[in-house]
Amino acid sequence: MDSKEVKKVEDSVKDTAKKSLMQQKNVGTKMQQ
């Protein structure tokens, strides 16, 4: 893999992590209501 491929993978991993964090926050706010 060249550096471009590595960057793509890292970006997608970060994006996935962000999305799962947002989902956890959404679930948390729903449970509090």
Protein backbone atom coordinates (compact mmCIF):
# COMPACT_ATOMS: atom_id res chain seq x y z
CA MET A 1 0.00 0.00 0.00
CA ASP A 2 1.31 3.44 -0.82
CA SER A 3 0.83 6.48 1.39
CA LYS A 4 -2.33 7.55 -0.45
CA GLU A 5 -3.99 4.20 0.29
CA VAL A 6 -2.95 4.42 3.94
CA LYS A 7 -4.41 7.92 4.19
CA LYS A 8 -7.71 6.72 2.70
CA VAL A 9 -7.95 3.89 5.21
CA GLU A 10 -7.09 6.17 8.14
CA ASP A 11 -9.70 8.71 7.05
CA SER A 12 -12.41 6.07 6.72
CA VAL A 13 -11.53 4.66 10.14
CA LYS A 14 -11.73 8.13 11.70
CA ASP A 15 -15.04 8.78 9.94
CA THR A 16 -16.47 5.50 11.21
CA ALA A 17 -15.29 6.27 14.75
CA LYS A 18 -16.91 9.71 14.60
CA LYS A 19 -20.21 8.25 13.40
CA SER A 20 -20.31 5.63 16.14
CA LEU A 21 -19.52 8.32 18.74
CA MET A 22 -22.39 10.45 17.44
CA GLN A 23 -24.74 7.45 17.59
CA GLN A 24 -23.71 6.77 21.20
CA LYS A 25 -24.41 10.41 22.09
CA ASN A 26 -27.81 10.27 20.38
CA VAL A 27 -28.73 7.10 22.27
CA GLY A 28 -27.59 8.71 25.52
CA THR A 29 -29.74 11.80 25.01
CA LYS A 30 -32.77 9.68 24.10
CA MET A 31 -32.44 7.64 27.29
CA GLN A 32 -32.20 10.78 29.42
CA GLN A 33 -35.49 12.20 28.10
